[in-house]
Amino acid sequence: MNLNQLHINQLTPTGWAWYQKYLTALDAYDIDDYATFLADDVSVQFNNEAPMVGKDIAKVGLGHFWGSVTAMGFALVHEHINNYGEDHHFVMEALNHYDTSDGRRLTIRATAWTDRNHDGKVTAVRLYQDLSPLYAPAT
């Protein structure tokens, strides 16, 4: 996680501390740790795909996605630009840097919209990013 370019952060110190722990689990591709942040009825959606509803289904879907990224030899670094909203409903704008095993870096703009319940568990996350450069042949 790279916070050097974080310009705007509207989360409270408590909300920001929670979000950093959440992102640490995400960046580590630790599906079991990440799942501890999710409500049982969580909805996880990538772009225009149908949402994955339920913690168990989200774990399987995210596990497949994370596995495909690591199988292609990509290491991911999230560079945070802005966090807008409040501690239970917010959007993070970031640059996702995918470093390839052959030394290339692919940078993809992304947003993640996150909703949390009164217990602080994630009830919904909607991720928007164009991943097509990851699957394009190297030039």
C-alpha atoms as a PDB file:
ATOM      1  CA  MET A   1       0.000   0.000   0.000  1.00  0.00           C
ATOM      2  CA  ASN A   2       1.439   3.326  -1.083  1.00  0.00           C
ATOM      3  CA  LEU A   3       0.044   6.385   0.712  1.00  0.00           C
ATOM      4  CA  ASN A   4       2.544   8.942  -0.621  1.00  0.00           C
ATOM      5  CA  GLN A   5       0.022  10.410  -3.096  1.00  0.00           C
ATOM      6  CA  LEU A   6      -2.993  10.484  -0.753  1.00  0.00           C
ATOM      7  CA  HIS A   7      -4.488  13.950  -1.289  1.00  0.00           C
ATOM      8  CA  ILE A   8      -7.922  13.858   0.320  1.00  0.00           C
ATOM      9  CA  ASN A   9      -8.977  11.566   3.144  1.00  0.00           C
ATOM     10  CA  GLN A  10     -12.392  12.293   4.648  1.00  0.00           C
ATOM     11  CA  LEU A  11     -12.397   9.278   6.992  1.00  0.00           C
ATOM     12  CA  THR A  12     -12.025   9.858  10.724  1.00  0.00           C
ATOM     13  CA  PRO A  13      -8.823   8.612  12.382  1.00  0.00           C
ATOM     14  CA  THR A  14     -10.780   5.558  13.631  1.00  0.00           C
ATOM     15  CA  GLY A  15     -12.256   4.851  10.204  1.00  0.00           C
ATOM     16  CA  TRP A  16      -8.873   5.341   8.533  1.00  0.00           C
ATOM     17  CA  ALA A  17      -7.189   2.931  10.975  1.00  0.00           C
ATOM     18  CA  TRP A  18      -9.878   0.326  10.219  1.00  0.00           C
ATOM     19  CA  TYR A  19      -9.497   0.848   6.459  1.00  0.00           C
ATOM     20  CA  GLN A  20      -5.723   0.437   6.597  1.00  0.00           C
ATOM     21  CA  LYS A  21      -6.132  -2.939   8.362  1.00  0.00           C
ATOM     22  CA  TYR A  22      -8.711  -3.967   5.754  1.00  0.00           C
ATOM     23  CA  LEU A  23      -6.387  -2.960   2.910  1.00  0.00           C
ATOM     24  CA  THR A  24      -3.418  -4.737   4.483  1.00  0.00           C
ATOM     25  CA  ALA A  25      -5.380  -8.018   4.351  1.00  0.00           C
ATOM     26  CA  LEU A  26      -6.403  -7.220   0.774  1.00  0.00           C
ATOM     27  CA  ASP A  27      -2.871  -6.383  -0.357  1.00  0.00           C
ATOM     28  CA  ALA A  28      -1.566  -9.597   1.221  1.00  0.00           C
ATOM     29  CA  TYR A  29      -4.128 -11.653  -0.743  1.00  0.00           C
ATOM     30  CA  ASP A  30      -5.018 -13.226   2.614  1.00  0.00           C
ATOM     31  CA  ILE A  31      -8.577 -14.350   1.893  1.00  0.00           C
ATOM     32  CA  ASP A  32      -9.228 -15.651   5.415  1.00  0.00           C
ATOM     33  CA  ASP A  33      -8.037 -12.421   7.084  1.00  0.00           C
ATOM     34  CA  TYR A  34      -9.891 -10.333   4.497  1.00  0.00           C
ATOM     35  CA  ALA A  35     -13.108 -12.294   5.130  1.00  0.00           C
ATOM     36  CA  THR A  36     -13.045 -11.276   8.811  1.00  0.00           C
ATOM     37  CA  PHE A  37     -13.946  -7.758   7.630  1.00  0.00           C
ATOM     38  CA  LEU A  38     -17.005  -8.944   5.665  1.00  0.00           C
ATOM     39  CA  ALA A  39     -20.615  -9.265   6.774  1.00  0.00           C
ATOM     40  CA  ASP A  40     -22.162 -12.686   6.165  1.00  0.00           C
ATOM     41  CA  ASP A  41     -24.470 -11.186   3.498  1.00  0.00           C
ATOM     42  CA  VAL A  42     -21.782  -9.087   1.778  1.00  0.00           C
ATOM     43  CA  SER A  43     -22.129  -8.175  -1.881  1.00  0.00           C
ATOM     44  CA  VAL A  44     -18.903  -7.886  -3.914  1.00  0.00           C
ATOM     45  CA  GLN A  45     -19.133  -6.622  -7.474  1.00  0.00           C
ATOM     46  CA  PHE A  46     -16.503  -6.077 -10.183  1.00  0.00           C
ATOM     47  CA  ASN A  47     -17.483  -3.579 -12.896  1.00  0.00           C
ATOM     48  CA  ASN A  48     -20.705  -4.673 -14.620  1.00  0.00           C
ATOM     49  CA  GLU A  49     -20.495  -8.296 -13.482  1.00  0.00           C
ATOM     50  CA  ALA A  50     -23.219  -9.784 -11.325  1.00  0.00           C
ATOM     51  CA  PRO A  51     -22.468  -9.305  -7.642  1.00  0.00           C
ATOM     52  CA  MET A  52     -21.116 -12.155  -5.561  1.00  0.00           C
ATOM     53  CA  VAL A  53     -23.529 -12.295  -2.620  1.00  0.00           C
ATOM     54  CA  GLY A  54     -22.583 -13.918   0.666  1.00  0.00           C
ATOM     55  CA  LYS A  55     -19.238 -14.214   2.407  1.00  0.00           C
ATOM     56  CA  ASP A  56     -18.553 -17.785   1.255  1.00  0.00           C
ATOM     57  CA  ILE A  57     -19.309 -16.984  -2.389  1.00  0.00           C
ATOM     58  CA  ALA A  58     -17.221 -13.792  -2.223  1.00  0.00           C
ATOM     59  CA  LYS A  59     -14.287 -15.733  -0.755  1.00  0.00           C
ATOM     60  CA  VAL A  60     -14.396 -18.217  -3.631  1.00  0.00           C
ATOM     61  CA  GLY A  61     -14.732 -15.515  -6.296  1.00  0.00           C
ATOM     62  CA  LEU A  62     -12.018 -13.293  -4.843  1.00  0.00           C
ATOM     63  CA  GLY A  63      -9.787 -16.317  -4.323  1.00  0.00           C
ATOM     64  CA  HIS A  64     -10.100 -17.167  -8.025  1.00  0.00           C
ATOM     65  CA  PHE A  65      -9.376 -13.595  -9.081  1.00  0.00           C
ATOM     66  CA  TRP A  66      -6.411 -13.214  -6.739  1.00  0.00           C
ATOM     67  CA  GLY A  67      -5.110 -16.602  -7.844  1.00  0.00           C
ATOM     68  CA  SER A  68      -5.295 -15.609 -11.521  1.00  0.00           C
ATOM     69  CA  VAL A  69      -3.385 -12.382 -10.847  1.00  0.00           C
ATOM     70  CA  THR A  70      -0.627 -14.127  -8.920  1.00  0.00           C
ATOM     71  CA  ALA A  71      -0.506 -17.035 -11.411  1.00  0.00           C
ATOM     72  CA  MET A  72       0.276 -14.523 -14.163  1.00  0.00           C
ATOM     73  CA  GLY A  73       3.209 -13.324 -12.069  1.00  0.00           C
ATOM     74  CA  PHE A  74       1.749  -9.965 -11.062  1.00  0.00           C
ATOM     75  CA  ALA A  75       2.529  -8.251  -7.777  1.00  0.00           C
ATOM     76  CA  LEU A  76       0.016  -5.549  -6.867  1.00  0.00           C
ATOM     77  CA  VAL A  77       0.672  -2.226  -5.174  1.00  0.00           C
ATOM     78  CA  HIS A  78      -2.295   0.035  -4.400  1.00  0.00           C
ATOM     79  CA  GLU A  79      -1.439   3.748  -4.563  1.00  0.00           C
ATOM     80  CA  HIS A  80      -4.167   5.714  -2.811  1.00  0.00           C
ATOM     81  CA  ILE A  81      -5.198   9.055  -4.259  1.00  0.00           C
ATOM     82  CA  ASN A  82      -8.424  10.071  -2.455  1.00  0.00           C
ATOM     83  CA  ASN A  83     -10.940   8.736   0.076  1.00  0.00           C
ATOM     84  CA  TYR A  84     -14.331  10.470  -0.054  1.00  0.00           C
ATOM     85  CA  GLY A  85     -17.269   9.909   2.250  1.00  0.00           C
ATOM     86  CA  GLU A  86     -17.616   8.906   5.867  1.00  0.00           C
ATOM     87  CA  ASP A  87     -16.563   5.860   7.874  1.00  0.00           C
ATOM     88  CA  HIS A  88     -19.504   3.654   6.838  1.00  0.00           C
ATOM     89  CA  HIS A  89     -19.998   4.746   3.225  1.00  0.00           C
ATOM     90  CA  PHE A  90     -16.998   5.827   1.189  1.00  0.00           C
ATOM     91  CA  VAL A  91     -15.138   5.578  -2.092  1.00  0.00           C
ATOM     92  CA  MET A  92     -11.411   5.125  -2.545  1.00  0.00           C
ATOM     93  CA  GLU A  93      -9.713   6.310  -5.723  1.00  0.00           C
ATOM     94  CA  ALA A  94      -6.423   4.603  -6.461  1.00  0.00           C
ATOM     95  CA  LEU A  95      -3.814   3.693  -8.988  1.00  0.00           C
ATOM     96  CA  ASN A  96      -3.300  -0.065  -8.976  1.00  0.00           C
ATOM     97  CA  HIS A  97       0.223  -0.897 -10.076  1.00  0.00           C
ATOM     98  CA  TYR A  98       0.678  -4.457 -11.327  1.00  0.00           C
ATOM     99  CA  ASP A  99       4.373  -5.357 -11.496  1.00  0.00           C
ATOM    100  CA  THR A 100       5.120  -8.227 -13.861  1.00  0.00           C
ATOM    101  CA  SER A 101       7.727 -10.919 -13.398  1.00  0.00           C
ATOM    102  CA  ASP A 102       9.572  -9.535 -16.451  1.00  0.00           C
ATOM    103  CA  GLY A 103       9.942  -6.066 -14.921  1.00  0.00           C
ATOM    104  CA  ARG A 104       7.041  -4.215 -16.530  1.00  0.00           C
ATOM    105  CA  ARG A 105       4.613  -2.082 -14.543  1.00  0.00           C
ATOM    106  CA  LEU A 106       1.008  -1.762 -15.630  1.00  0.00           C
ATOM    107  CA  THR A 107      -0.965   0.994 -13.916  1.00  0.00           C
ATOM    108  CA  ILE A 108      -4.754   0.859 -13.810  1.00  0.00           C
ATOM    109  CA  ARG A 109      -7.035   3.529 -12.374  1.00  0.00           C
ATOM    110  CA  ALA A 110      -9.592   2.114  -9.964  1.00  0.00           C
ATOM    111  CA  THR A 111     -12.307   3.025  -7.517  1.00  0.00           C
ATOM    112  CA  ALA A 112     -13.730   0.945  -4.696  1.00  0.00           C
ATOM    113  CA  TRP A 113     -17.076   1.927  -3.202  1.00  0.00           C
ATOM    114  CA  THR A 114     -17.498   0.459   0.277  1.00  0.00           C
ATOM    115  CA  ASP A 115     -20.481   0.258   2.648  1.00  0.00           C
ATOM    116  CA  ARG A 116     -20.268  -0.952   6.256  1.00  0.00           C
ATOM    117  CA  ASN A 117     -22.998  -1.871   8.721  1.00  0.00           C
ATOM    118  CA  HIS A 118     -23.370  -0.630  12.321  1.00  0.00           C
ATOM    119  CA  ASP A 119     -21.031  -3.466  13.444  1.00  0.00           C
ATOM    120  CA  GLY A 120     -18.324  -2.179  11.099  1.00  0.00           C
ATOM    121  CA  LYS A 121     -18.518  -5.146   8.717  1.00  0.00           C
ATOM    122  CA  VAL A 122     -18.441  -4.590   4.958  1.00  0.00           C
ATOM    123  CA  THR A 123     -21.900  -5.121   3.482  1.00  0.00           C
ATOM    124  CA  ALA A 124     -21.039  -4.075  -0.064  1.00  0.00           C
ATOM    125  CA  VAL A 125     -17.974  -3.294  -2.133  1.00  0.00           C
ATOM    126  CA  ARG A 126     -18.157  -2.265  -5.769  1.00  0.00           C
ATOM    127  CA  LEU A 127     -14.867  -2.259  -7.666  1.00  0.00           C
ATOM    128  CA  TYR A 128     -14.423  -0.460 -10.957  1.00  0.00           C
ATOM    129  CA  GLN A 129     -11.273  -0.879 -13.033  1.00  0.00           C
ATOM    130  CA  ASP A 130     -10.410  -1.867 -16.598  1.00  0.00           C
ATOM    131  CA  LEU A 131      -8.226  -4.959 -16.278  1.00  0.00           C
ATOM    132  CA  SER A 132      -7.867  -5.575 -20.012  1.00  0.00           C
ATOM    133  CA  PRO A 133      -4.203  -4.387 -20.041  1.00  0.00           C
ATOM    134  CA  LEU A 134      -3.347  -7.291 -17.702  1.00  0.00           C
ATOM    135  CA  TYR A 135      -4.531  -9.793 -20.284  1.00  0.00           C
ATOM    136  CA  ALA A 136      -3.098  -8.057 -23.361  1.00  0.00           C
ATOM    137  CA  PRO A 137       0.088  -9.480 -24.903  1.00  0.00           C
ATOM    138  CA  ALA A 138       3.297  -7.730 -23.858  1.00  0.00           C
ATOM    139  CA  THR A 139       4.552  -5.314 -26.483  1.00  0.00           C
END
